[in-house]
Amino acid sequence: MAGILATGLAEAPGPTMLVDIGTNGEIVLVSGGQMWAASTAAGPAFEGARILHGMRASTGAIEKVILDTQVRINVIGDVAPVGLCGSALIDLAAELLRHGILSPEGRLLPPQNLPDSLPPELRHRLVPYNQHSSFLLASEAETATGRPIVVTQRDFRELQLASGAIRSGIAILLKRAGLTAADLEGFLVAGGFGNF
């Protein structure tokens, strides 16, 4: 309700969706003078919970990740990183997918299956964790805790579960309204996740 009132969603001129992403995903769609709402059990991945080095979007959280020939991160508060928040997890998944390190199904590839064209700096970031591949986001020398920040296969599975729940809620509301995603004229992201 706060999101609907704060954004003036009810007065949106065209089909508009508001998504508050957190442990639950509250979704509201407005179109043609009607409003539909849903809540999905997205799980806490977007807020950093159940992610090995996850945290909320606060000081010390890696909030953005870019991979080119090396790893580039932005940290909230411009301090040494402590962990990563949901936006960084999404960035990392997209970047690993783009570089062929993460399969389209969400599987971190083992070192022997990585593309030959992968820059050495990125190749060396695949490290073992509990007998599975993980991606080293920041070494112990780079972090505020003195411990490395890695993202594991389990972390990517948590992200898939959370994003699948949100996506399902969105799809159901669009279907109920007789719309497609392309019909939306506005898409608002709320909550702590929306800030970063």
N, C-alpha and C. Protein backbone atom coordinates (compact mmCIF):
# COMPACT_ATOMS: atom_id res chain seq x y z
N MET A 1 0.83 -1.19 0.00
CA MET A 1 0.00 0.00 0.00
C MET A 1 0.87 1.25 0.00
N ALA A 2 1.94 1.22 0.77
CA ALA A 2 2.83 2.39 0.82
C ALA A 2 3.41 2.67 -0.55
N GLY A 3 3.82 1.62 -1.25
CA GLY A 3 4.37 1.79 -2.59
C GLY A 3 3.36 2.35 -3.57
N ILE A 4 2.14 1.87 -3.48
CA ILE A 4 1.07 2.36 -4.36
C ILE A 4 0.83 3.85 -4.12
N LEU A 5 0.77 4.23 -2.84
CA LEU A 5 0.52 5.63 -2.51
C LEU A 5 1.71 6.52 -2.85
N ALA A 6 2.92 6.07 -2.51
CA ALA A 6 4.12 6.89 -2.74
C ALA A 6 4.39 7.14 -4.22
N THR A 7 4.08 6.17 -5.05
CA THR A 7 4.36 6.31 -6.49
C THR A 7 3.19 6.89 -7.27
N GLY A 8 2.03 6.99 -6.65
CA GLY A 8 0.84 7.43 -7.40
C GLY A 8 0.46 6.41 -8.45
N LEU A 9 0.72 5.16 -8.16
CA LEU A 9 0.54 4.07 -9.12
C LEU A 9 -0.87 4.02 -9.70
N ALA A 10 -1.88 4.29 -8.88
CA ALA A 10 -3.26 4.20 -9.34
C ALA A 10 -3.57 5.19 -10.46
N GLU A 11 -2.79 6.26 -10.54
CA GLU A 11 -3.01 7.27 -11.57
C GLU A 11 -2.08 7.10 -12.78
N ALA A 12 -1.35 6.02 -12.85
CA ALA A 12 -0.43 5.80 -13.98
C ALA A 12 -1.21 5.84 -15.29
N PRO A 13 -0.70 6.56 -16.31
CA PRO A 13 -1.43 6.70 -17.56
C PRO A 13 -1.51 5.43 -18.39
N GLY A 14 -0.56 4.53 -18.24
CA GLY A 14 -0.57 3.29 -19.01
C GLY A 14 -0.25 2.11 -18.10
N PRO A 15 -0.22 0.90 -18.64
CA PRO A 15 0.07 -0.28 -17.84
C PRO A 15 1.41 -0.13 -17.10
N THR A 16 1.36 -0.23 -15.79
CA THR A 16 2.55 -0.02 -14.96
C THR A 16 2.58 -1.08 -13.88
N MET A 17 3.80 -1.55 -13.59
CA MET A 17 3.97 -2.58 -12.56
C MET A 17 4.93 -2.07 -11.50
N LEU A 18 4.60 -2.36 -10.25
CA LEU A 18 5.44 -2.06 -9.10
C LEU A 18 5.84 -3.38 -8.48
N VAL A 19 7.14 -3.58 -8.28
CA VAL A 19 7.63 -4.81 -7.65
C VAL A 19 8.50 -4.42 -6.46
N ASP A 20 8.12 -4.87 -5.29
CA ASP A 20 8.91 -4.67 -4.08
C ASP A 20 9.62 -5.99 -3.83
N ILE A 21 10.93 -5.98 -4.07
CA ILE A 21 11.69 -7.23 -4.01
C ILE A 21 12.36 -7.37 -2.65
N GLY A 22 12.06 -8.46 -1.99
CA GLY A 22 12.66 -8.79 -0.71
C GLY A 22 12.43 -10.26 -0.44
N THR A 23 12.35 -10.63 0.83
CA THR A 23 12.08 -12.02 1.17
C THR A 23 10.76 -12.45 0.55
N ASN A 24 9.78 -11.54 0.58
CA ASN A 24 8.55 -11.72 -0.19
C ASN A 24 8.60 -10.72 -1.33
N GLY A 25 8.02 -11.09 -2.44
CA GLY A 25 7.96 -10.17 -3.56
C GLY A 25 6.53 -9.70 -3.71
N GLU A 26 6.29 -8.44 -3.34
CA GLU A 26 4.95 -7.89 -3.53
C GLU A 26 4.92 -7.24 -4.90
N ILE A 27 3.89 -7.56 -5.67
CA ILE A 27 3.79 -7.09 -7.06
C ILE A 27 2.41 -6.50 -7.27
N VAL A 28 2.36 -5.32 -7.87
CA VAL A 28 1.09 -4.67 -8.19
C VAL A 28 1.13 -4.24 -9.65
N LEU A 29 0.05 -4.52 -10.36
CA LEU A 29 -0.09 -4.14 -11.76
C LEU A 29 -1.33 -3.26 -11.89
N VAL A 30 -1.16 -2.12 -12.57
CA VAL A 30 -2.27 -1.21 -12.84
C VAL A 30 -2.41 -1.09 -14.35
N SER A 31 -3.66 -1.25 -14.82
CA SER A 31 -3.94 -1.09 -16.25
C SER A 31 -5.43 -0.87 -16.45
N GLY A 32 -5.77 0.09 -17.28
CA GLY A 32 -7.16 0.32 -17.64
C GLY A 32 -8.09 0.54 -16.47
N GLY A 33 -7.61 1.24 -15.45
CA GLY A 33 -8.44 1.52 -14.29
C GLY A 33 -8.59 0.37 -13.33
N GLN A 34 -7.88 -0.73 -13.54
CA GLN A 34 -7.93 -1.88 -12.63
C GLN A 34 -6.57 -2.10 -12.00
N MET A 35 -6.58 -2.77 -10.86
CA MET A 35 -5.34 -3.04 -10.14
C MET A 35 -5.35 -4.51 -9.70
N TRP A 36 -4.24 -5.19 -9.93
CA TRP A 36 -4.06 -6.58 -9.50
C TRP A 36 -2.83 -6.61 -8.60
N ALA A 37 -2.85 -7.48 -7.60
CA ALA A 37 -1.71 -7.58 -6.69
C ALA A 37 -1.43 -9.04 -6.38
N ALA A 38 -0.19 -9.32 -6.10
CA ALA A 38 0.22 -10.67 -5.72
C ALA A 38 1.42 -10.58 -4.79
N SER A 39 1.61 -11.63 -4.03
CA SER A 39 2.80 -11.74 -3.18
C SER A 39 3.42 -13.11 -3.44
N THR A 40 4.72 -13.12 -3.61
CA THR A 40 5.41 -14.38 -3.87
C THR A 40 6.45 -14.62 -2.78
N ALA A 41 6.66 -15.84 -2.43
CA ALA A 41 7.69 -16.21 -1.45
C ALA A 41 9.02 -16.29 -2.17
N ALA A 42 9.61 -15.13 -2.41
CA ALA A 42 10.82 -15.06 -3.23
C ALA A 42 12.04 -15.63 -2.53
N GLY A 43 12.00 -15.74 -1.22
CA GLY A 43 13.19 -16.17 -0.52
C GLY A 43 14.10 -14.99 -0.30
N PRO A 44 15.05 -15.10 0.58
CA PRO A 44 15.84 -13.94 0.98
C PRO A 44 17.08 -13.65 0.14
N ALA A 45 17.26 -14.31 -0.99
CA ALA A 45 18.50 -14.14 -1.77
C ALA A 45 18.73 -12.69 -2.19
N PHE A 46 17.67 -11.97 -2.56
CA PHE A 46 17.84 -10.59 -3.01
C PHE A 46 18.31 -9.68 -1.89
N GLU A 47 18.10 -10.09 -0.64
CA GLU A 47 18.55 -9.30 0.50
C GLU A 47 19.82 -9.87 1.10
N GLY A 48 20.42 -10.83 0.41
CA GLY A 48 21.70 -11.36 0.83
C GLY A 48 21.64 -12.54 1.79
N ALA A 49 20.46 -12.89 2.28
CA ALA A 49 20.35 -14.03 3.21
C ALA A 49 20.43 -15.34 2.42
N ARG A 50 20.94 -16.35 3.07
CA ARG A 50 21.16 -17.69 2.48
C ARG A 50 22.17 -17.65 1.33
N ILE A 51 22.88 -16.54 1.20
CA ILE A 51 24.00 -16.42 0.27
C ILE A 51 25.25 -16.45 1.14
N LEU A 52 26.24 -17.26 0.79
CA LEU A 52 27.39 -17.49 1.66
C LEU A 52 27.97 -16.19 2.22
N HIS A 53 28.25 -15.22 1.37
CA HIS A 53 28.79 -13.94 1.82
C HIS A 53 27.81 -12.80 1.54
N GLY A 54 26.54 -13.13 1.59
CA GLY A 54 25.50 -12.15 1.31
C GLY A 54 25.23 -11.23 2.48
N MET A 55 24.73 -10.05 2.15
CA MET A 55 24.34 -9.07 3.16
C MET A 55 23.34 -8.11 2.54
N ARG A 56 22.71 -7.31 3.39
CA ARG A 56 21.79 -6.29 2.90
C ARG A 56 22.59 -5.20 2.19
N ALA A 57 21.91 -4.37 1.44
CA ALA A 57 22.55 -3.27 0.73
C ALA A 57 22.88 -2.16 1.72
N SER A 58 24.04 -2.29 2.37
CA SER A 58 24.50 -1.30 3.34
C SER A 58 26.01 -1.14 3.20
N THR A 59 26.59 -0.28 3.99
CA THR A 59 28.02 0.00 3.90
C THR A 59 28.83 -1.30 3.92
N GLY A 60 29.72 -1.42 2.95
CA GLY A 60 30.57 -2.61 2.85
C GLY A 60 30.05 -3.67 1.90
N ALA A 61 28.83 -3.48 1.39
CA ALA A 61 28.26 -4.47 0.46
C ALA A 61 28.72 -4.17 -0.96
N ILE A 62 29.22 -5.18 -1.63
CA ILE A 62 29.48 -5.05 -3.07
C ILE A 62 28.11 -4.95 -3.72
N GLU A 63 27.89 -3.87 -4.49
CA GLU A 63 26.56 -3.66 -5.08
C GLU A 63 26.58 -3.71 -6.60
N LYS A 64 27.76 -3.73 -7.20
CA LYS A 64 27.86 -3.79 -8.66
C LYS A 64 29.11 -4.58 -9.03
N VAL A 65 28.99 -5.40 -10.07
CA VAL A 65 30.12 -6.22 -10.55
C VAL A 65 30.19 -6.10 -12.06
N ILE A 66 31.38 -5.84 -12.56
CA ILE A 66 31.64 -5.82 -14.00
C ILE A 66 32.87 -6.70 -14.25
N LEU A 67 32.76 -7.59 -15.21
CA LEU A 67 33.89 -8.44 -15.60
C LEU A 67 34.30 -8.08 -17.01
N ASP A 68 35.55 -7.68 -17.18
CA ASP A 68 36.12 -7.55 -18.52
C ASP A 68 37.36 -8.42 -18.52
N THR A 69 38.54 -7.85 -18.57
CA THR A 69 39.73 -8.70 -18.43
C THR A 69 40.04 -8.94 -16.96
N GLN A 70 39.35 -8.21 -16.09
CA GLN A 70 39.49 -8.39 -14.65
C GLN A 70 38.16 -8.15 -13.96
N VAL A 71 38.14 -8.27 -12.64
CA VAL A 71 36.92 -8.07 -11.86
C VAL A 71 36.91 -6.63 -11.36
N ARG A 72 35.81 -5.93 -11.63
CA ARG A 72 35.63 -4.56 -11.14
C ARG A 72 34.37 -4.53 -10.28
N ILE A 73 34.50 -3.99 -9.07
CA ILE A 73 33.37 -3.94 -8.15
C ILE A 73 33.16 -2.53 -7.63
N ASN A 74 31.91 -2.22 -7.30
CA ASN A 74 31.56 -1.01 -6.56
C ASN A 74 31.06 -1.45 -5.21
N VAL A 75 31.51 -0.77 -4.17
CA VAL A 75 31.14 -1.10 -2.80
C VAL A 75 30.41 0.08 -2.19
N ILE A 76 29.28 -0.18 -1.57
CA ILE A 76 28.51 0.88 -0.91
C ILE A 76 29.36 1.49 0.20
N GLY A 77 29.49 2.81 0.18
CA GLY A 77 30.28 3.52 1.18
C GLY A 77 31.74 3.67 0.80
N ASP A 78 32.13 3.15 -0.37
CA ASP A 78 33.53 3.25 -0.84
C ASP A 78 34.53 2.74 0.20
N VAL A 79 34.23 1.59 0.78
CA VAL A 79 35.10 0.97 1.78
C VAL A 79 35.50 -0.42 1.28
N ALA A 80 36.37 -1.08 2.02
CA ALA A 80 36.72 -2.46 1.67
C ALA A 80 35.47 -3.33 1.83
N PRO A 81 35.25 -4.27 0.91
CA PRO A 81 34.02 -5.07 0.97
C PRO A 81 33.97 -6.02 2.15
N VAL A 82 32.72 -6.24 2.61
CA VAL A 82 32.44 -7.19 3.69
C VAL A 82 31.67 -8.38 3.12
N GLY A 83 30.87 -8.14 2.09
CA GLY A 83 30.04 -9.16 1.46
C GLY A 83 29.43 -8.59 0.20
N LEU A 84 28.35 -9.22 -0.29
CA LEU A 84 27.68 -8.71 -1.47
C LEU A 84 26.18 -8.72 -1.26
N CYS A 85 25.51 -7.77 -1.89
CA CYS A 85 24.05 -7.70 -1.80
C CYS A 85 23.44 -8.26 -3.09
N GLY A 86 22.12 -8.28 -3.14
CA GLY A 86 21.41 -8.91 -4.25
C GLY A 86 21.73 -8.36 -5.61
N SER A 87 21.90 -7.03 -5.72
CA SER A 87 22.19 -6.46 -7.04
C SER A 87 23.53 -6.95 -7.58
N ALA A 88 24.52 -7.13 -6.69
CA ALA A 88 25.82 -7.65 -7.12
C ALA A 88 25.71 -9.11 -7.54
N LEU A 89 24.88 -9.86 -6.85
CA LEU A 89 24.69 -11.27 -7.21
C LEU A 89 24.08 -11.38 -8.61
N ILE A 90 23.12 -10.52 -8.90
CA ILE A 90 22.51 -10.51 -10.24
C ILE A 90 23.53 -10.08 -11.29
N ASP A 91 24.29 -9.00 -10.99
CA ASP A 91 25.34 -8.56 -11.91
C ASP A 91 26.32 -9.69 -12.19
N LEU A 92 26.77 -10.35 -11.12
CA LEU A 92 27.77 -11.41 -11.28
C LEU A 92 27.22 -12.55 -12.12
N ALA A 93 25.99 -12.95 -11.87
CA ALA A 93 25.39 -14.03 -12.66
C ALA A 93 25.35 -13.65 -14.13
N ALA A 94 24.94 -12.43 -14.44
CA ALA A 94 24.87 -11.97 -15.83
C ALA A 94 26.26 -11.93 -16.47
N GLU A 95 27.23 -11.44 -15.73
CA GLU A 95 28.59 -11.34 -16.27
C GLU A 95 29.21 -12.72 -16.47
N LEU A 96 29.01 -13.63 -15.52
CA LEU A 96 29.55 -14.99 -15.67
C LEU A 96 28.89 -15.71 -16.84
N LEU A 97 27.61 -15.48 -17.02
CA LEU A 97 26.89 -16.05 -18.16
C LEU A 97 27.46 -15.50 -19.47
N ARG A 98 27.68 -14.20 -19.51
CA ARG A 98 28.21 -13.54 -20.71
C ARG A 98 29.60 -14.07 -21.08
N HIS A 99 30.40 -14.41 -20.08
CA HIS A 99 31.77 -14.90 -20.33
C HIS A 99 31.85 -16.42 -20.46
N GLY A 100 30.71 -17.11 -20.35
CA GLY A 100 30.72 -18.57 -20.50
C GLY A 100 31.23 -19.31 -19.29
N ILE A 101 31.23 -18.66 -18.13
CA ILE A 101 31.67 -19.30 -16.89
C ILE A 101 30.48 -19.95 -16.19
N LEU A 102 29.31 -19.38 -16.37
CA LEU A 102 28.05 -19.90 -15.84
C LEU A 102 27.21 -20.37 -17.02
N SER A 103 26.69 -21.58 -16.93
CA SER A 103 25.88 -22.10 -18.04
C SER A 103 24.50 -21.45 -18.01
N PRO A 104 23.76 -21.50 -19.13
CA PRO A 104 22.40 -20.94 -19.14
C PRO A 104 21.48 -21.58 -18.10
N GLU A 105 21.81 -22.78 -17.65
CA GLU A 105 21.02 -23.47 -16.63
C GLU A 105 21.42 -23.04 -15.22
N GLY A 106 22.45 -22.20 -15.10
CA GLY A 106 22.87 -21.72 -13.79
C GLY A 106 23.96 -22.52 -13.14
N ARG A 107 24.71 -23.31 -13.91
CA ARG A 107 25.78 -24.15 -13.36
C ARG A 107 27.13 -23.48 -13.57
N LEU A 108 27.88 -23.32 -12.49
CA LEU A 108 29.26 -22.82 -12.60
C LEU A 108 30.09 -23.92 -13.23
N LEU A 109 30.75 -23.61 -14.32
CA LEU A 109 31.51 -24.63 -15.01
C LEU A 109 32.83 -24.91 -14.30
N PRO A 110 33.29 -26.15 -14.32
CA PRO A 110 34.60 -26.46 -13.75
C PRO A 110 35.69 -25.88 -14.64
N PRO A 111 36.89 -25.65 -14.10
CA PRO A 111 37.97 -25.02 -14.86
C PRO A 111 38.26 -25.67 -16.21
N GLN A 112 38.16 -27.00 -16.30
CA GLN A 112 38.47 -27.69 -17.56
C GLN A 112 37.42 -27.43 -18.64
N ASN A 113 36.25 -26.91 -18.29
CA ASN A 113 35.19 -26.65 -19.28
C ASN A 113 35.05 -25.18 -19.66
N LEU A 114 35.95 -24.34 -19.17
CA LEU A 114 35.87 -22.92 -19.46
C LEU A 114 36.29 -22.62 -20.89
N PRO A 115 35.74 -21.57 -21.49
CA PRO A 115 36.12 -21.19 -22.86
C PRO A 115 37.61 -20.87 -22.94
N ASP A 116 38.24 -21.24 -24.04
CA ASP A 116 39.67 -20.96 -24.24
C ASP A 116 39.95 -19.47 -24.28
N SER A 117 38.97 -18.68 -24.73
CA SER A 117 39.15 -17.25 -24.89
C SER A 117 39.03 -16.46 -23.58
N LEU A 118 38.74 -17.14 -22.48
CA LEU A 118 38.54 -16.48 -21.20
C LEU A 118 39.84 -15.84 -20.71
N PRO A 119 39.80 -14.54 -20.33
CA PRO A 119 41.01 -13.89 -19.81
C PRO A 119 41.56 -14.64 -18.59
N PRO A 120 42.89 -14.74 -18.49
CA PRO A 120 43.51 -15.49 -17.37
C PRO A 120 43.06 -15.00 -16.00
N GLU A 121 42.89 -13.69 -15.83
CA GLU A 121 42.47 -13.15 -14.53
C GLU A 121 41.12 -13.71 -14.10
N LEU A 122 40.21 -13.89 -15.05
CA LEU A 122 38.90 -14.45 -14.73
C LEU A 122 39.00 -15.96 -14.51
N ARG A 123 39.81 -16.63 -15.32
CA ARG A 123 39.99 -18.08 -15.19
C ARG A 123 40.51 -18.44 -13.79
N HIS A 124 41.43 -17.64 -13.28
CA HIS A 124 42.01 -17.92 -11.97
C HIS A 124 41.07 -17.61 -10.81
N ARG A 125 39.96 -16.97 -11.11
CA ARG A 125 38.97 -16.64 -10.07
C ARG A 125 38.07 -17.84 -9.75
N LEU A 126 38.10 -18.87 -10.57
CA LEU A 126 37.32 -20.08 -10.26
C LEU A 126 38.14 -20.89 -9.27
N VAL A 127 37.62 -21.00 -8.06
CA VAL A 127 38.34 -21.68 -6.99
C VAL A 127 37.43 -22.72 -6.35
N PRO A 128 38.00 -23.77 -5.78
CA PRO A 128 37.15 -24.77 -5.13
C PRO A 128 36.60 -24.27 -3.80
N TYR A 129 35.37 -24.65 -3.50
CA TYR A 129 34.77 -24.39 -2.20
C TYR A 129 33.85 -25.57 -1.90
N ASN A 130 34.14 -26.28 -0.81
CA ASN A 130 33.37 -27.49 -0.45
C ASN A 130 33.23 -28.45 -1.63
N GLN A 131 34.32 -28.70 -2.32
CA GLN A 131 34.40 -29.65 -3.43
C GLN A 131 33.57 -29.23 -4.66
N HIS A 132 33.20 -27.98 -4.74
CA HIS A 132 32.49 -27.46 -5.91
C HIS A 132 33.19 -26.19 -6.38
N SER A 133 32.91 -25.79 -7.61
CA SER A 133 33.46 -24.55 -8.12
C SER A 133 32.78 -23.36 -7.46
N SER A 134 33.55 -22.32 -7.23
CA SER A 134 33.01 -21.04 -6.76
C SER A 134 33.80 -19.95 -7.46
N PHE A 135 33.26 -18.73 -7.42
CA PHE A 135 33.93 -17.61 -8.07
C PHE A 135 34.43 -16.65 -7.01
N LEU A 136 35.73 -16.35 -7.05
CA LEU A 136 36.36 -15.45 -6.09
C LEU A 136 36.09 -14.01 -6.51
N LEU A 137 35.29 -13.33 -5.72
CA LEU A 137 34.93 -11.95 -6.03
C LEU A 137 35.94 -10.96 -5.44
N ALA A 138 36.43 -11.26 -4.24
CA ALA A 138 37.45 -10.42 -3.60
C ALA A 138 38.33 -11.30 -2.73
N SER A 139 39.63 -11.12 -2.85
CA SER A 139 40.57 -11.93 -2.07
C SER A 139 40.60 -11.44 -0.62
N GLU A 140 41.19 -12.26 0.25
CA GLU A 140 41.28 -11.86 1.66
C GLU A 140 42.01 -10.54 1.84
N ALA A 141 42.98 -10.24 0.98
CA ALA A 141 43.71 -8.97 1.09
C ALA A 141 42.85 -7.77 0.71
N GLU A 142 41.78 -8.01 -0.06
CA GLU A 142 40.93 -6.91 -0.52
C GLU A 142 39.73 -6.64 0.38
N THR A 143 39.44 -7.54 1.32
CA THR A 143 38.22 -7.41 2.11
C THR A 143 38.48 -6.78 3.48
N ALA A 144 37.43 -6.29 4.09
CA ALA A 144 37.52 -5.71 5.43
C ALA A 144 37.62 -6.79 6.50
N THR A 145 37.21 -8.01 6.18
CA THR A 145 37.18 -9.09 7.16
C THR A 145 38.45 -9.94 7.17
N GLY A 146 39.27 -9.80 6.12
CA GLY A 146 40.44 -10.65 6.00
C GLY A 146 40.12 -12.03 5.49
N ARG A 147 38.85 -12.23 5.08
CA ARG A 147 38.43 -13.51 4.50
C ARG A 147 38.00 -13.26 3.06
N PRO A 148 38.25 -14.20 2.16
CA PRO A 148 37.84 -13.99 0.76
C PRO A 148 36.32 -14.00 0.63
N ILE A 149 35.83 -13.29 -0.37
CA ILE A 149 34.41 -13.30 -0.69
C ILE A 149 34.24 -14.13 -1.96
N VAL A 150 33.57 -15.28 -1.82
CA VAL A 150 33.31 -16.15 -2.96
C VAL A 150 31.81 -16.30 -3.15
N VAL A 151 31.44 -16.61 -4.38
CA VAL A 151 30.04 -16.90 -4.70
C VAL A 151 30.00 -18.35 -5.17
N THR A 152 29.14 -19.13 -4.56
CA THR A 152 29.12 -20.57 -4.78
C THR A 152 27.98 -21.00 -5.71
N GLN A 153 28.04 -22.25 -6.10
CA GLN A 153 26.96 -22.83 -6.90
C GLN A 153 25.63 -22.74 -6.15
N ARG A 154 25.66 -23.01 -4.85
CA ARG A 154 24.44 -22.92 -4.04
C ARG A 154 23.86 -21.51 -4.07
N ASP A 155 24.74 -20.49 -4.07
CA ASP A 155 24.29 -19.09 -4.13
C ASP A 155 23.51 -18.84 -5.43
N PHE A 156 24.01 -19.38 -6.53
CA PHE A 156 23.31 -19.18 -7.81
C PHE A 156 21.98 -19.92 -7.83
N ARG A 157 21.90 -21.07 -7.17
CA ARG A 157 20.62 -21.79 -7.07
C ARG A 157 19.62 -20.98 -6.26
N GLU A 158 20.06 -20.36 -5.18
CA GLU A 158 19.18 -19.49 -4.38
C GLU A 158 18.66 -18.33 -5.23
N LEU A 159 19.54 -17.75 -6.03
CA LEU A 159 19.13 -16.66 -6.92
C LEU A 159 18.09 -17.15 -7.92
N GLN A 160 18.29 -18.34 -8.47
CA GLN A 160 17.32 -18.89 -9.42
C GLN A 160 15.96 -19.09 -8.77
N LEU A 161 15.94 -19.59 -7.55
CA LEU A 161 14.66 -19.79 -6.85
C LEU A 161 13.95 -18.47 -6.61
N ALA A 162 14.68 -17.48 -6.15
CA ALA A 162 14.09 -16.18 -5.85
C ALA A 162 13.59 -15.49 -7.11
N SER A 163 14.41 -15.48 -8.15
CA SER A 163 13.99 -14.80 -9.39
C SER A 163 12.86 -15.57 -10.07
N GLY A 164 12.85 -16.89 -9.94
CA GLY A 164 11.76 -17.68 -10.51
C GLY A 164 10.43 -17.36 -9.85
N ALA A 165 10.45 -17.15 -8.53
CA ALA A 165 9.21 -16.80 -7.82
C ALA A 165 8.70 -15.44 -8.25
N ILE A 166 9.60 -14.46 -8.33
CA ILE A 166 9.20 -13.11 -8.76
C ILE A 166 8.67 -13.16 -10.19
N ARG A 167 9.40 -13.85 -11.05
CA ARG A 167 8.99 -13.95 -12.46
C ARG A 167 7.61 -14.60 -12.59
N SER A 168 7.35 -15.63 -11.79
CA SER A 168 6.05 -16.30 -11.83
C SER A 168 4.93 -15.35 -11.42
N GLY A 169 5.17 -14.58 -10.35
CA GLY A 169 4.17 -13.61 -9.91
C GLY A 169 3.88 -12.57 -10.97
N ILE A 170 4.92 -12.09 -11.62
CA ILE A 170 4.75 -11.11 -12.70
C ILE A 170 3.96 -11.72 -13.85
N ALA A 171 4.33 -12.94 -14.25
CA ALA A 171 3.65 -13.60 -15.37
C ALA A 171 2.17 -13.83 -15.08
N ILE A 172 1.86 -14.22 -13.85
CA ILE A 172 0.45 -14.47 -13.48
C ILE A 172 -0.36 -13.18 -13.56
N LEU A 173 0.19 -12.08 -13.02
CA LEU A 173 -0.55 -10.81 -13.06
C LEU A 173 -0.72 -10.32 -14.50
N LEU A 174 0.31 -10.43 -15.31
CA LEU A 174 0.19 -10.01 -16.72
C LEU A 174 -0.88 -10.84 -17.43
N LYS A 175 -0.88 -12.14 -17.18
CA LYS A 175 -1.88 -13.01 -17.82
C LYS A 175 -3.29 -12.63 -17.36
N ARG A 176 -3.44 -12.39 -16.06
CA ARG A 176 -4.75 -12.02 -15.50
C ARG A 176 -5.26 -10.73 -16.15
N ALA A 177 -4.34 -9.81 -16.46
CA ALA A 177 -4.74 -8.52 -17.05
C ALA A 177 -4.81 -8.59 -18.58
N GLY A 178 -4.41 -9.71 -19.16
CA GLY A 178 -4.42 -9.84 -20.61
C GLY A 178 -3.32 -9.04 -21.28
N LEU A 179 -2.18 -8.91 -20.60
CA LEU A 179 -1.06 -8.12 -21.11
C LEU A 179 0.18 -8.98 -21.28
N THR A 180 1.17 -8.44 -21.99
CA THR A 180 2.50 -9.04 -22.05
C THR A 180 3.48 -8.04 -21.44
N ALA A 181 4.68 -8.48 -21.17
CA ALA A 181 5.70 -7.58 -20.61
C ALA A 181 5.95 -6.39 -21.53
N ALA A 182 5.87 -6.61 -22.83
CA ALA A 182 6.09 -5.52 -23.79
C ALA A 182 5.02 -4.44 -23.70
N ASP A 183 3.86 -4.76 -23.14
CA ASP A 183 2.78 -3.79 -22.99
C ASP A 183 3.01 -2.80 -21.85
N LEU A 184 3.92 -3.14 -20.95
CA LEU A 184 4.15 -2.27 -19.79
C LEU A 184 4.81 -0.96 -20.22
N GLU A 185 4.27 0.14 -19.72
CA GLU A 185 4.85 1.46 -19.99
C GLU A 185 5.72 1.93 -18.84
N GLY A 186 5.56 1.29 -17.68
CA GLY A 186 6.37 1.63 -16.52
C GLY A 186 6.63 0.40 -15.69
N PHE A 187 7.81 0.34 -15.09
CA PHE A 187 8.18 -0.77 -14.21
C PHE A 187 8.97 -0.17 -13.06
N LEU A 188 8.42 -0.25 -11.85
CA LEU A 188 9.02 0.36 -10.67
C LEU A 188 9.53 -0.72 -9.74
N VAL A 189 10.76 -0.55 -9.25
CA VAL A 189 11.35 -1.50 -8.31
C VAL A 189 11.48 -0.80 -6.96
N ALA A 190 10.90 -1.38 -5.91
CA ALA A 190 10.87 -0.75 -4.61
C ALA A 190 11.67 -1.55 -3.59
N GLY A 191 11.80 -0.98 -2.42
CA GLY A 191 12.48 -1.63 -1.30
C GLY A 191 13.97 -1.37 -1.33
N GLY A 192 14.67 -1.94 -0.35
CA GLY A 192 16.11 -1.77 -0.26
C GLY A 192 16.82 -2.22 -1.52
N PHE A 193 16.31 -3.28 -2.13
CA PHE A 193 16.91 -3.77 -3.37
C PHE A 193 16.80 -2.73 -4.47
N GLY A 194 15.67 -2.03 -4.53
CA GLY A 194 15.45 -1.02 -5.55
C GLY A 194 16.42 0.16 -5.45
N ASN A 195 16.93 0.42 -4.25
CA ASN A 195 17.86 1.53 -4.07
C ASN A 195 19.21 1.27 -4.73
N PHE A 196 19.57 -0.02 -4.86
CA PHE A 196 20.89 -0.33 -5.39
C PHE A 196 20.81 -1.24 -6.59
